[in-house]
Amino acid sequence: MNPETLATALIDVLAPIVEARRPGDPIALTASDIVLERPRNRDHGDWASNIAMRLAKQLGTSPRELAQQIADGLAAVDGVASTEVAGPGFINIRLDAAAAGALAKVIVEAGSAYGHNDSQQGVSVNVEFVSANPTGPLHIGHTRWAALGDSIVRLLLASGANAVREYYINDAGAQMDRFAQSILAAAKGEPTPEGGYPGEYITTLAGRVLEARPDLLDLAGDEQSAVAMDLAYGLQLEEIKSSLGRFNVPFDIWFSERTLHAKGENGTSLIDQAVDRLREQGHVYDLDGAVWVRTTDFGDDKDRVIRRSNGEYTYFAADAAYYLNKGDRGFENKIYLLGADHHGYVHRLKAVAGAAGDDPEKNIQVLIGQLVSIRGARLSKRAGNIIEMDDLQAWIGTDALRYALERSPADSPLDLDPELLQKRTNDNPVFYVQYAHARTHNVGRNAADSGVDRSEFAPETLTHETEAALLGALQEFPRIVGFAAEVREPHRVARYLEELAGLYHRWYDNCRVIPQGDDPIESVHRTRLWLNDAAGQVFRNGLELLGVSAPERM
């Protein structure tokens, strides 16, 4: 019996009670109206509901009296072992072993689909993250957003959303000119120009550019700069893509800022069109020769210039055009993951959403991440002034690094301990979870060697208290996934997996899958193998949502 079937049973029990107390005036209830929670103290049962407290006033009775009526009716439902009323009107529900244990087979048969839910069904969402300038390697801040952004999309997809990962390539503007000049200076053996990009990686890129275009330094000034920019930009972008690929972060869309500036067949760019569209909405005005957007109407601290008096567009213009373009591509909802130094963007982007006719509280979400530091990490030898993603990954490992970055809320500063993350002990959270998964496979291998298989399933035999606790946690997984997707918090899955690992290890210590000595193989042993394999499946599914591997041996 799962929460959905239990909620349906509660509604069936409530129907005659409501009819008796409000004849001809029913209360429409659906499964989503029935809140079921796991009691903190398992002695109080498997599930608890506050439905009596919510409906008592409408039915003209006290919460405890209504709760007792519901409890009496529910006690007669197949699969319910007992019910009791607690406190001001809570209903504690205990399932019988067979009803609770049936979940193990459900999970094994569902496989990788277990945990998937429809809580985000019909939601279209564009998740933009990392979006580093293509002028250098990815650093430690980008690493955190890469892990979190990718897992948020995985959660949304598992919850039924139409979600994509998008990388905004900031390949237009002054930083690209400085990048080109830095490459040319290195190619000529000259010092880095003022405001340019230092580091050995620039020298390496310059060498690769010269290999591709040996005649680079013979070209005229403007052509020389353009060729250097395009070649170096392409090479650096490929390096960024490779870094993210090694970190198990696959982007669905790579969106070039140049697309916003390019003139179409009608002679206008997406930025031109964005200004016109905002003007049509009534939020654009002209002042002192410049064009402004009245963003203060939507909570911004000041109105924003979208085109300067000299005719040049501001960065805000590109932000507005980009936001509108996402909507034009069918994404009703937009999530932006930005670094700790981007707080000023929150009101600005929400104002763009409002000016575009969207709901700033619904259609756009801006997540601001806090800084992350790693004890003992050294600045990149190539870049000189940053800690590179590639160096961190090589040092700590993809699984440990991703898991460590995902197991805390985005708005919490992080100080990671590499020595701990490389330990093969239970003090290391990722090892603790991965080891639990590997142990399920070890149990399966040993069971096969001993002749224990899944040819029989007798859930009524799963009566040990550790089995009830493990089943209760496995039952929670779909709800955890759906909630984590809703609140954009992958750390809830990580913390759940750690709790599940503890419950699995306690079950392993108390319940044998393989008979002891010469004892015969019984129904309980085969059924426990189902439970073991169900736990392994949930570990795999949870780690997959975090982009972390699930090794079968450790």
Protein backbone atom coordinates (compact mmCIF):
# COMPACT_ATOMS: atom_id res chain seq x y z
CA MET A 1 0.00 0.00 0.00
CA ASN A 2 1.51 3.33 -1.08
CA PRO A 3 0.51 6.88 -0.04
CA GLU A 4 -1.76 7.24 -3.09
CA THR A 5 -3.78 4.11 -2.31
CA LEU A 6 -3.90 5.00 1.38
CA ALA A 7 -5.16 8.51 0.51
CA THR A 8 -7.85 6.95 -1.70
CA ALA A 9 -8.87 4.68 1.17
CA LEU A 10 -9.15 7.70 3.47
CA ILE A 11 -11.42 9.46 0.96
CA ASP A 12 -13.62 6.34 0.73
CA VAL A 13 -13.89 6.21 4.52
CA LEU A 14 -14.71 9.92 4.70
CA ALA A 15 -17.46 9.84 2.06
CA PRO A 16 -20.25 8.36 4.27
CA ILE A 17 -19.13 10.43 7.26
CA VAL A 18 -19.40 13.65 5.25
CA GLU A 19 -22.77 12.59 3.80
CA ALA A 20 -24.15 11.86 7.26
CA ARG A 21 -23.04 15.20 8.65
CA ARG A 22 -23.79 17.30 5.55
CA PRO A 23 -26.55 15.52 3.65
CA GLY A 24 -26.82 16.81 0.11
CA ASP A 25 -23.85 19.15 0.64
CA PRO A 26 -20.72 17.08 -0.12
CA ILE A 27 -17.12 18.22 0.25
CA ALA A 28 -15.10 17.48 -2.88
CA LEU A 29 -11.87 15.74 -1.87
CA THR A 30 -9.04 14.40 -4.01
CA ALA A 31 -5.92 12.44 -3.10
CA SER A 32 -3.92 15.68 -3.16
CA ASP A 33 -6.06 16.99 -0.28
CA ILE A 34 -4.97 14.14 1.97
CA VAL A 35 -1.67 14.95 3.66
CA LEU A 36 0.19 11.86 4.83
CA GLU A 37 3.42 12.18 6.79
CA ARG A 38 5.92 9.73 8.21
CA PRO A 39 5.89 9.95 12.04
CA ARG A 40 9.27 10.85 13.50
CA ASN A 41 8.79 8.10 16.06
CA ARG A 42 8.11 4.83 14.23
CA ASP A 43 6.32 3.54 17.34
CA HIS A 44 3.48 5.86 16.26
CA GLY A 45 2.94 3.91 13.04
CA ASP A 46 3.82 4.10 9.37
CA TRP A 47 1.75 7.15 8.41
CA ALA A 48 -0.06 10.02 10.12
CA SER A 49 -2.83 12.28 8.81
CA ASN A 50 -4.26 15.58 10.06
CA ILE A 51 -7.35 15.39 7.83
CA ALA A 52 -9.73 15.31 10.82
CA MET A 53 -8.28 18.57 12.16
CA ARG A 54 -8.75 20.18 8.75
CA LEU A 55 -12.35 19.08 8.22
CA ALA A 56 -13.81 19.09 11.76
CA LYS A 57 -15.13 22.67 11.64
CA GLN A 58 -16.80 22.15 8.25
CA LEU A 59 -18.48 19.01 9.60
CA GLY A 60 -19.59 20.61 12.89
CA THR A 61 -17.68 18.30 15.21
CA SER A 62 -14.48 18.17 17.24
CA PRO A 63 -11.23 17.04 15.60
CA ARG A 64 -10.78 14.11 17.97
CA GLU A 65 -14.34 12.86 17.50
CA LEU A 66 -14.00 13.02 13.70
CA ALA A 67 -10.54 11.44 13.88
CA GLN A 68 -11.95 8.50 15.85
CA GLN A 69 -14.69 7.97 13.26
CA ILE A 70 -12.14 7.97 10.46
CA ALA A 71 -9.76 5.71 12.39
CA ASP A 72 -12.53 3.17 13.05
CA GLY A 73 -13.45 3.07 9.37
CA LEU A 74 -9.86 2.89 8.21
CA ALA A 75 -9.06 -0.02 10.54
CA ALA A 76 -11.34 -2.21 8.43
CA VAL A 77 -9.43 -1.48 5.20
CA ASP A 78 -7.33 -4.33 3.82
CA GLY A 79 -3.65 -3.69 4.46
CA VAL A 80 -4.20 -1.52 7.54
CA ALA A 81 -3.07 -3.30 10.70
CA SER A 82 -4.18 -0.69 13.23
CA THR A 83 -5.14 2.96 13.75
CA GLU A 84 -5.13 5.27 16.71
CA VAL A 85 -6.01 8.88 17.47
CA ALA A 86 -3.27 11.03 18.99
CA GLY A 87 -3.00 14.57 20.29
CA PRO A 88 -5.62 17.06 19.12
CA GLY A 89 -6.80 14.83 16.28
CA PHE A 90 -3.95 13.15 14.41
CA ILE A 91 -4.67 9.72 12.97
CA ASN A 92 -1.74 7.31 13.24
CA ILE A 93 -1.87 4.44 10.77
CA ARG A 94 0.09 1.20 10.87
CA LEU A 95 0.12 -1.05 7.82
CA ASP A 96 0.35 -4.80 8.07
CA ALA A 97 3.61 -6.40 6.97
CA ALA A 98 2.23 -7.69 3.67
CA ALA A 99 0.86 -4.31 2.64
CA ALA A 100 4.07 -2.52 3.58
CA GLY A 101 6.38 -5.15 2.12
CA ALA A 102 4.62 -5.23 -1.24
CA LEU A 103 6.58 -2.08 -2.08
CA ALA A 104 9.81 -4.05 -2.55
CA LYS A 105 8.45 -5.83 -5.62
CA VAL A 106 6.95 -2.61 -6.97
CA ILE A 107 10.36 -0.92 -6.85
CA VAL A 108 12.26 -3.78 -8.45
CA GLU A 109 9.74 -4.06 -11.27
CA ALA A 110 9.69 -0.28 -11.83
CA GLY A 111 13.48 -0.20 -12.07
CA SER A 112 14.96 3.12 -13.11
CA ALA A 113 11.48 4.67 -13.33
CA TYR A 114 10.88 4.37 -9.58
CA GLY A 115 10.91 7.83 -8.06
CA HIS A 116 9.62 9.46 -11.23
CA ASN A 117 6.46 11.43 -10.63
CA ASP A 118 4.15 13.87 -12.38
CA SER A 119 4.39 16.80 -9.96
CA GLN A 120 5.86 19.01 -12.71
CA GLN A 121 3.78 17.60 -15.55
CA GLY A 122 3.06 20.19 -18.23
CA VAL A 123 5.70 22.62 -16.93
CA SER A 124 8.15 23.95 -19.53
CA VAL A 125 11.32 25.35 -18.01
CA ASN A 126 14.63 26.63 -19.30
CA VAL A 127 17.46 26.30 -16.78
CA GLU A 128 20.45 28.50 -17.59
CA PHE A 129 23.64 27.95 -15.61
CA VAL A 130 27.42 28.24 -15.73
CA SER A 131 27.39 30.61 -18.76
CA ALA A 132 31.03 31.54 -18.24
CA ASN A 133 32.73 33.92 -20.67
CA PRO A 134 34.49 31.89 -23.41
CA THR A 135 37.72 33.72 -22.62
CA GLY A 136 39.23 31.30 -20.13
CA PRO A 137 38.87 27.99 -18.29
CA LEU A 138 36.04 27.18 -15.88
CA HIS A 139 36.78 27.83 -12.22
CA ILE A 140 35.59 26.67 -8.82
CA GLY A 141 32.44 28.83 -8.84
CA HIS A 142 31.37 27.47 -12.22
CA THR A 143 31.94 23.97 -10.85
CA ARG A 144 29.32 24.42 -8.15
CA TRP A 145 26.76 25.75 -10.60
CA ALA A 146 27.51 22.98 -13.08
CA ALA A 147 26.72 20.33 -10.47
CA LEU A 148 23.62 22.04 -9.09
CA GLY A 149 22.17 23.16 -12.41
CA ASP A 150 22.52 19.74 -13.98
CA SER A 151 20.89 18.02 -11.00
CA ILE A 152 18.01 20.50 -10.92
CA VAL A 153 17.25 19.62 -14.55
CA ARG A 154 17.51 15.90 -13.78
CA LEU A 155 14.98 16.35 -10.96
CA LEU A 156 12.63 18.37 -13.15
CA LEU A 157 12.75 15.75 -15.90
CA ALA A 158 12.10 12.97 -13.38
CA SER A 159 9.07 14.94 -12.18
CA GLY A 160 7.53 15.22 -15.62
CA ALA A 161 8.68 18.68 -16.70
CA ASN A 162 9.86 19.66 -20.15
CA ALA A 163 13.21 21.00 -18.97
CA VAL A 164 16.44 21.87 -20.78
CA ARG A 165 19.95 22.86 -19.78
CA GLU A 166 21.11 26.05 -21.47
CA TYR A 167 24.52 27.72 -21.58
CA TYR A 168 24.59 31.40 -22.56
CA ILE A 169 27.84 32.08 -24.41
CA ASN A 170 28.82 35.67 -23.71
CA ASP A 171 30.69 36.00 -27.01
CA ALA A 172 29.97 39.65 -27.83
CA GLY A 173 31.29 42.85 -26.30
CA ALA A 174 34.45 44.34 -24.91
CA GLN A 175 35.70 41.19 -23.17
CA MET A 176 36.01 39.46 -26.55
CA ASP A 177 38.11 42.34 -27.89
CA ARG A 178 40.39 42.13 -24.85
CA PHE A 179 40.62 38.38 -25.36
CA ALA A 180 41.69 38.82 -29.00
CA GLN A 181 44.30 41.41 -28.08
CA SER A 182 45.66 39.10 -25.37
CA ILE A 183 46.00 36.26 -27.89
CA LEU A 184 47.74 38.51 -30.41
CA ALA A 185 50.14 39.84 -27.78
CA ALA A 186 51.10 36.28 -26.81
CA ALA A 187 51.49 35.33 -30.48
CA LYS A 188 53.90 38.24 -30.93
CA GLY A 189 55.77 37.49 -27.71
CA GLU A 190 54.60 40.76 -26.15
CA PRO A 191 53.35 41.39 -22.59
CA THR A 192 49.65 41.04 -21.81
CA PRO A 193 47.93 44.34 -22.69
CA GLU A 194 46.37 46.38 -19.90
CA GLY A 195 43.01 44.89 -18.98
CA GLY A 196 43.82 41.74 -20.94
CA TYR A 197 43.82 38.09 -19.92
CA PRO A 198 47.02 36.73 -18.34
CA GLY A 199 48.02 33.12 -17.82
CA GLU A 200 49.80 30.30 -19.57
CA TYR A 201 46.56 29.17 -21.19
CA ILE A 202 46.62 32.34 -23.34
CA THR A 203 50.12 31.45 -24.56
CA THR A 204 48.94 27.91 -25.32
CA LEU A 205 45.88 29.19 -27.17
CA ALA A 206 48.02 31.62 -29.15
CA GLY A 207 50.27 28.75 -30.22
CA ARG A 208 47.26 26.73 -31.39
CA VAL A 209 45.88 29.74 -33.25
CA LEU A 210 49.21 30.18 -35.06
CA GLU A 211 49.19 26.49 -35.97
CA ALA A 212 45.76 26.95 -37.56
CA ARG A 213 46.71 30.23 -39.24
CA PRO A 214 50.46 30.53 -39.76
CA ASP A 215 49.84 33.76 -41.65
CA LEU A 216 48.01 35.40 -38.73
CA LEU A 217 50.63 38.04 -38.00
CA ASP A 218 50.83 38.99 -41.68
CA LEU A 219 47.14 39.95 -41.80
CA ALA A 220 45.90 43.53 -41.62
CA GLY A 221 44.97 44.89 -38.19
CA ASP A 222 41.19 44.41 -38.15
CA GLU A 223 41.32 41.06 -39.94
CA GLN A 224 44.15 39.92 -37.67
CA SER A 225 42.11 40.70 -34.58
CA ALA A 226 38.94 39.07 -35.97
CA VAL A 227 40.75 35.89 -36.98
CA ALA A 228 42.56 35.64 -33.64
CA MET A 229 39.29 36.16 -31.77
CA ASP A 230 37.27 33.60 -33.68
CA LEU A 231 39.92 30.88 -33.63
CA ALA A 232 40.82 31.32 -29.95
CA TYR A 233 37.16 31.60 -29.00
CA GLY A 234 36.33 28.33 -30.75
CA LEU A 235 39.24 26.54 -29.12
CA GLN A 236 38.42 27.85 -25.64
CA LEU A 237 34.74 27.00 -26.01
CA GLU A 238 35.62 23.44 -26.98
CA GLU A 239 37.78 23.21 -23.86
CA ILE A 240 34.84 24.41 -21.74
CA LYS A 241 32.58 21.82 -23.34
CA SER A 242 35.15 19.09 -22.69
CA SER A 243 35.49 20.13 -19.04
CA LEU A 244 31.73 20.00 -18.54
CA GLY A 245 31.50 16.67 -20.36
CA ARG A 246 34.06 15.13 -18.02
CA PHE A 247 32.02 16.50 -15.12
CA ASN A 248 28.95 14.66 -16.44
CA VAL A 249 27.08 17.86 -17.35
CA PRO A 250 25.48 17.64 -20.82
CA PHE A 251 24.02 20.93 -22.07
CA ASP A 252 21.05 20.77 -24.43
CA ILE A 253 21.42 24.31 -25.81
CA TRP A 254 24.48 26.49 -26.36
CA PHE A 255 23.10 29.97 -27.02
CA SER A 256 25.43 32.56 -28.53
CA GLU A 257 24.99 36.19 -27.47
CA ARG A 258 25.93 37.11 -31.03
CA THR A 259 22.53 35.73 -32.05
CA LEU A 260 20.89 38.62 -30.22
CA HIS A 261 22.94 41.24 -32.08
CA ALA A 262 22.78 39.72 -35.57
CA LYS A 263 20.61 41.57 -38.09
CA GLY A 264 17.88 39.49 -39.71
CA GLU A 265 16.44 39.71 -43.19
CA ASN A 266 14.29 42.64 -42.09
CA GLY A 267 17.36 44.56 -40.98
CA THR A 268 16.60 44.34 -37.26
CA SER A 269 18.17 42.29 -34.49
CA LEU A 270 16.49 40.42 -31.64
CA ILE A 271 17.58 43.28 -29.38
CA ASP A 272 15.91 45.84 -31.69
CA GLN A 273 12.76 43.75 -31.64
CA ALA A 274 12.90 43.39 -27.84
CA VAL A 275 12.92 47.17 -27.37
CA ASP A 276 9.96 47.52 -29.71
CA ARG A 277 8.04 44.79 -27.89
CA LEU A 278 8.63 46.34 -24.49
CA ARG A 279 7.56 49.71 -25.87
CA GLU A 280 4.33 48.11 -27.12
CA GLN A 281 3.73 46.85 -23.58
CA GLY A 282 3.88 50.45 -22.40
CA HIS A 283 7.02 50.14 -20.29
CA VAL A 284 9.53 52.06 -22.47
CA TYR A 285 10.05 55.82 -22.47
CA ASP A 286 12.56 58.30 -23.91
CA LEU A 287 14.54 60.72 -21.76
CA ASP A 288 17.62 62.85 -22.49
CA GLY A 289 18.12 61.12 -25.83
CA ALA A 290 18.26 57.64 -24.23
CA VAL A 291 15.66 54.86 -24.18
CA TRP A 292 14.59 53.63 -20.73
CA VAL A 293 12.53 50.73 -19.36
CA ARG A 294 10.33 51.59 -16.39
CA THR A 295 11.54 48.66 -14.31
CA THR A 296 10.63 50.34 -11.03
CA ASP A 297 7.04 49.31 -11.80
CA PHE A 298 8.18 45.76 -11.08
CA GLY A 299 10.27 46.19 -7.95
CA ASP A 300 13.59 47.31 -9.42
CA ASP A 301 15.44 50.00 -7.45
CA LYS A 302 15.73 52.27 -10.49
CA ASP A 303 14.64 52.44 -14.12
CA ARG A 304 17.13 50.93 -16.57
CA VAL A 305 18.64 52.41 -19.71
CA ILE A 306 18.22 49.98 -22.59
CA ARG A 307 19.78 52.19 -25.28
CA ARG A 308 22.21 55.01 -24.57
CA SER A 309 21.95 58.45 -26.13
CA ASN A 310 24.75 57.50 -28.54
CA GLY A 311 22.58 54.71 -29.92
CA GLU A 312 24.49 51.85 -28.27
CA TYR A 313 22.58 49.17 -26.42
CA THR A 314 23.35 48.34 -22.79
CA TYR A 315 23.89 44.89 -21.29
CA PHE A 316 20.33 45.19 -20.01
CA ALA A 317 19.13 45.21 -23.62
CA ALA A 318 20.73 41.83 -24.24
CA ASP A 319 19.23 40.50 -20.99
CA ALA A 320 15.77 41.62 -22.10
CA ALA A 321 16.14 40.19 -25.61
CA TYR A 322 17.45 36.91 -24.25
CA TYR A 323 14.55 36.59 -21.79
CA LEU A 324 11.99 37.25 -24.53
CA ASN A 325 13.73 34.77 -26.82
CA LYS A 326 13.40 32.01 -24.23
CA GLY A 327 9.66 32.61 -24.14
CA ASP A 328 9.52 32.62 -27.94
CA ARG A 329 11.16 29.20 -27.90
CA GLY A 330 8.30 27.84 -25.80
CA PHE A 331 9.71 28.08 -22.29
CA GLU A 332 7.08 29.51 -20.01
CA ASN A 333 9.35 29.34 -16.98
CA LYS A 334 12.97 30.42 -16.75
CA ILE A 335 15.48 29.57 -14.04
CA TYR A 336 18.77 31.48 -13.81
CA LEU A 337 21.63 30.23 -11.63
CA LEU A 338 23.97 33.11 -10.83
CA GLY A 339 27.05 33.61 -8.69
CA ALA A 340 27.27 35.38 -5.34
CA ASP A 341 28.35 38.63 -7.01
CA HIS A 342 25.17 38.85 -9.12
CA HIS A 343 22.59 39.90 -6.51
CA GLY A 344 21.90 43.04 -8.53
CA TYR A 345 20.57 40.93 -11.38
CA VAL A 346 17.64 39.54 -9.40
CA HIS A 347 15.40 42.65 -9.49
CA ARG A 348 16.61 43.48 -12.99
CA LEU A 349 15.61 40.12 -14.45
CA LYS A 350 12.31 40.02 -12.59
CA ALA A 351 11.57 43.49 -13.92
CA VAL A 352 12.24 42.24 -17.46
CA ALA A 353 9.77 39.42 -16.86
CA GLY A 354 7.13 41.85 -15.63
CA ALA A 355 7.70 44.26 -18.50
CA ALA A 356 7.36 41.34 -20.93
CA GLY A 357 3.92 40.55 -19.51
CA ASP A 358 4.97 37.56 -17.42
CA ASP A 359 4.44 36.99 -13.71
CA PRO A 360 7.79 37.82 -12.00
CA GLU A 361 6.85 35.60 -9.05
CA LYS A 362 6.00 32.60 -11.21
CA ASN A 363 7.69 32.66 -14.61
CA ILE A 364 11.22 33.52 -13.51
CA GLN A 365 13.40 32.29 -10.67
CA VAL A 366 16.89 33.58 -9.97
CA LEU A 367 19.01 31.39 -7.70
CA ILE A 368 22.08 33.02 -6.16
CA GLY A 369 24.85 30.69 -5.05
CA GLN A 370 27.31 31.40 -2.31
CA LEU A 371 31.08 31.03 -2.51
CA VAL A 372 32.83 27.71 -2.23
CA SER A 373 36.35 27.20 -0.97
CA ILE A 374 38.41 24.02 -0.91
CA ARG A 375 41.10 23.57 1.70
CA GLY A 376 44.53 23.33 0.21
CA ALA A 377 43.43 24.05 -3.35
CA ARG A 378 46.08 25.82 -5.40
CA LEU A 379 45.60 28.47 -8.03
CA SER A 380 45.78 27.19 -11.58
CA LYS A 381 49.27 27.09 -13.07
CA ARG A 382 47.73 27.75 -16.47
CA ALA A 383 45.38 30.60 -15.54
CA GLY A 384 47.35 31.95 -12.60
CA ASN A 385 44.53 33.61 -10.67
CA ILE A 386 41.78 30.98 -10.39
CA ILE A 387 41.18 27.44 -9.15
CA GLU A 388 40.26 25.46 -12.25
CA MET A 389 37.44 22.94 -12.57
CA ASP A 390 39.74 20.48 -14.34
CA ASP A 391 42.29 20.62 -11.52
CA LEU A 392 39.60 20.05 -8.87
CA GLN A 393 38.15 17.14 -10.78
CA ALA A 394 41.53 15.49 -11.25
CA TRP A 395 42.37 16.04 -7.58
CA ILE A 396 39.11 15.06 -5.84
CA GLY A 397 37.28 13.00 -8.47
CA THR A 398 34.02 13.67 -10.29
CA ASP A 399 31.75 11.73 -7.93
CA ALA A 400 33.14 13.14 -4.70
CA LEU A 401 33.26 16.69 -6.04
CA ARG A 402 29.73 16.64 -7.50
CA TYR A 403 28.21 15.03 -4.42
CA ALA A 404 29.93 17.43 -2.04
CA LEU A 405 28.73 20.45 -4.03
CA GLU A 406 25.17 19.12 -4.23
CA ARG A 407 24.56 18.01 -0.64
CA SER A 408 24.22 21.60 0.67
CA PRO A 409 21.74 24.34 -0.30
CA ALA A 410 22.97 26.70 -3.01
CA ASP A 411 22.75 29.71 -0.71
CA SER A 412 25.10 28.16 1.87
CA PRO A 413 28.82 29.01 1.70
CA LEU A 414 30.90 25.85 1.37
CA ASP A 415 34.31 24.92 2.72
CA LEU A 416 35.18 21.47 1.41
CA ASP A 417 37.82 19.17 2.84
CA PRO A 418 39.54 17.24 0.00
CA GLU A 419 41.21 14.81 2.41
CA LEU A 420 37.80 13.76 3.73
CA LEU A 421 36.30 13.52 0.24
CA GLN A 422 39.04 11.12 -0.84
CA LYS A 423 38.70 8.81 2.16
CA ARG A 424 37.11 5.40 1.75
CA THR A 425 35.36 5.55 5.10
CA ASN A 426 31.84 6.23 6.35
CA ASP A 427 32.92 9.74 7.32
CA ASN A 428 32.91 10.57 3.61
CA PRO A 429 29.23 11.05 2.62
CA VAL A 430 29.61 10.00 -1.01
CA PHE A 431 31.54 6.87 -0.05
CA TYR A 432 28.90 6.07 2.59
CA VAL A 433 26.11 6.12 0.00
CA GLN A 434 28.06 4.44 -2.79
CA TYR A 435 29.25 1.73 -0.41
CA ALA A 436 25.64 1.01 0.59
CA HIS A 437 24.80 0.54 -3.09
CA ALA A 438 27.83 -1.68 -3.66
CA ARG A 439 26.82 -3.73 -0.63
CA THR A 440 23.41 -4.46 -2.19
CA HIS A 441 25.22 -5.94 -5.19
CA ASN A 442 27.51 -7.94 -2.93
CA VAL A 443 24.48 -9.36 -1.16
CA GLY A 444 23.00 -10.25 -4.55
CA ARG A 445 26.18 -12.00 -5.68
CA ASN A 446 26.46 -13.98 -2.44
CA ALA A 447 22.79 -14.88 -2.61
CA ALA A 448 23.20 -16.24 -6.12
CA ASP A 449 26.18 -18.33 -5.00
CA SER A 450 24.07 -19.73 -2.14
CA GLY A 451 21.02 -20.53 -4.27
CA VAL A 452 18.83 -17.70 -2.99
CA ASP A 453 16.83 -16.11 -5.80
CA ARG A 454 13.68 -14.03 -6.27
CA SER A 455 11.47 -16.96 -7.31
CA GLU A 456 9.17 -16.27 -4.37
CA PHE A 457 7.79 -13.10 -2.83
CA ALA A 458 6.04 -13.27 0.55
CA PRO A 459 5.89 -9.68 1.86
CA GLU A 460 4.12 -10.79 5.05
CA THR A 461 7.45 -12.24 6.21
CA LEU A 462 9.12 -8.82 6.37
CA THR A 463 8.29 -8.25 10.04
CA HIS A 464 11.58 -7.10 11.57
CA GLU A 465 11.59 -3.51 12.79
CA THR A 466 14.54 -2.65 10.53
CA GLU A 467 12.56 -3.92 7.55
CA ALA A 468 9.62 -1.67 8.41
CA ALA A 469 11.98 1.30 8.73
CA LEU A 470 13.75 0.54 5.43
CA LEU A 471 10.47 0.08 3.57
CA GLY A 472 9.16 3.31 5.03
CA ALA A 473 12.16 5.21 3.70
CA LEU A 474 11.96 3.57 0.27
CA GLN A 475 8.31 4.61 0.12
CA GLU A 476 9.36 8.24 0.53
CA PHE A 477 11.63 8.43 -2.49
CA PRO A 478 9.09 9.64 -5.11
CA ARG A 479 7.88 12.35 -2.74
CA ILE A 480 11.45 13.48 -2.04
CA VAL A 481 12.19 13.69 -5.77
CA GLY A 482 9.03 15.67 -6.49
CA PHE A 483 9.62 18.11 -3.64
CA ALA A 484 13.30 18.58 -4.49
CA ALA A 485 12.26 19.41 -8.07
CA GLU A 486 9.63 21.87 -6.87
CA VAL A 487 11.98 23.79 -4.57
CA ARG A 488 15.07 23.35 -6.85
CA GLU A 489 17.12 21.74 -4.07
CA PRO A 490 19.14 18.64 -5.06
CA HIS A 491 20.62 18.46 -1.58
CA ARG A 492 17.35 16.94 -0.36
CA VAL A 493 18.03 13.85 -2.47
CA ALA A 494 21.60 13.59 -1.18
CA ARG A 495 20.55 13.83 2.47
CA TYR A 496 17.77 11.31 1.83
CA LEU A 497 20.28 8.85 0.35
CA GLU A 498 22.51 9.21 3.41
CA GLU A 499 19.58 8.44 5.70
CA LEU A 500 18.59 5.50 3.51
CA ALA A 501 22.15 4.17 3.65
CA GLY A 502 22.03 4.19 7.44
CA LEU A 503 18.73 2.30 7.46
CA TYR A 504 20.03 -0.21 4.91
CA HIS A 505 23.20 -0.90 6.90
CA ARG A 506 21.13 -1.47 10.07
CA TRP A 507 18.86 -3.86 8.15
CA TYR A 508 21.91 -5.67 6.76
CA ASP A 509 23.26 -6.15 10.30
CA ASN A 510 19.97 -7.64 11.54
CA CYS A 511 18.31 -9.54 8.71
CA ARG A 512 19.94 -12.39 6.82
CA VAL A 513 19.32 -12.92 3.11
CA ILE A 514 21.42 -16.09 3.13
CA PRO A 515 20.48 -18.84 5.65
CA GLN A 516 22.95 -19.48 8.41
CA GLY A 517 24.98 -22.65 8.26
CA ASP A 518 22.94 -25.60 6.98
CA ASP A 519 19.57 -23.93 7.55
CA PRO A 520 17.20 -24.31 4.60
CA ILE A 521 16.34 -21.49 2.21
CA GLU A 522 12.92 -20.16 3.18
CA SER A 523 10.39 -17.66 1.84
CA VAL A 524 11.76 -14.93 4.06
CA HIS A 525 15.24 -15.22 2.50
CA ARG A 526 13.93 -14.90 -1.05
CA THR A 527 11.69 -12.02 -0.04
CA ARG A 528 14.55 -10.23 1.66
CA LEU A 529 16.49 -10.47 -1.59
CA TRP A 530 13.65 -8.50 -3.20
CA LEU A 531 13.99 -5.88 -0.45
CA ASN A 532 17.78 -5.78 -0.87
CA ASP A 533 17.46 -5.26 -4.61
CA ALA A 534 14.79 -2.61 -4.11
CA ALA A 535 17.16 -0.65 -1.89
CA GLY A 536 19.90 -0.97 -4.52
CA GLN A 537 17.56 0.35 -7.19
CA VAL A 538 16.69 3.42 -5.14
CA PHE A 539 20.37 4.12 -4.45
CA ARG A 540 21.05 3.93 -8.20
CA ASN A 541 18.12 6.13 -9.08
CA GLY A 542 19.02 8.72 -6.48
CA LEU A 543 22.69 8.88 -7.44
CA GLU A 544 21.69 9.21 -11.10
CA LEU A 545 19.66 12.31 -10.20
CA LEU A 546 22.83 13.76 -8.70
CA GLY A 547 24.97 12.82 -11.70
CA VAL A 548 27.04 10.50 -9.49
CA SER A 549 27.99 6.93 -10.37
CA ALA A 550 26.69 3.88 -8.51
CA PRO A 551 29.60 1.38 -8.43
CA GLU A 552 28.78 -2.31 -7.96
CA ARG A 553 32.05 -3.03 -6.16
CA MET A 554 34.13 -0.89 -3.82
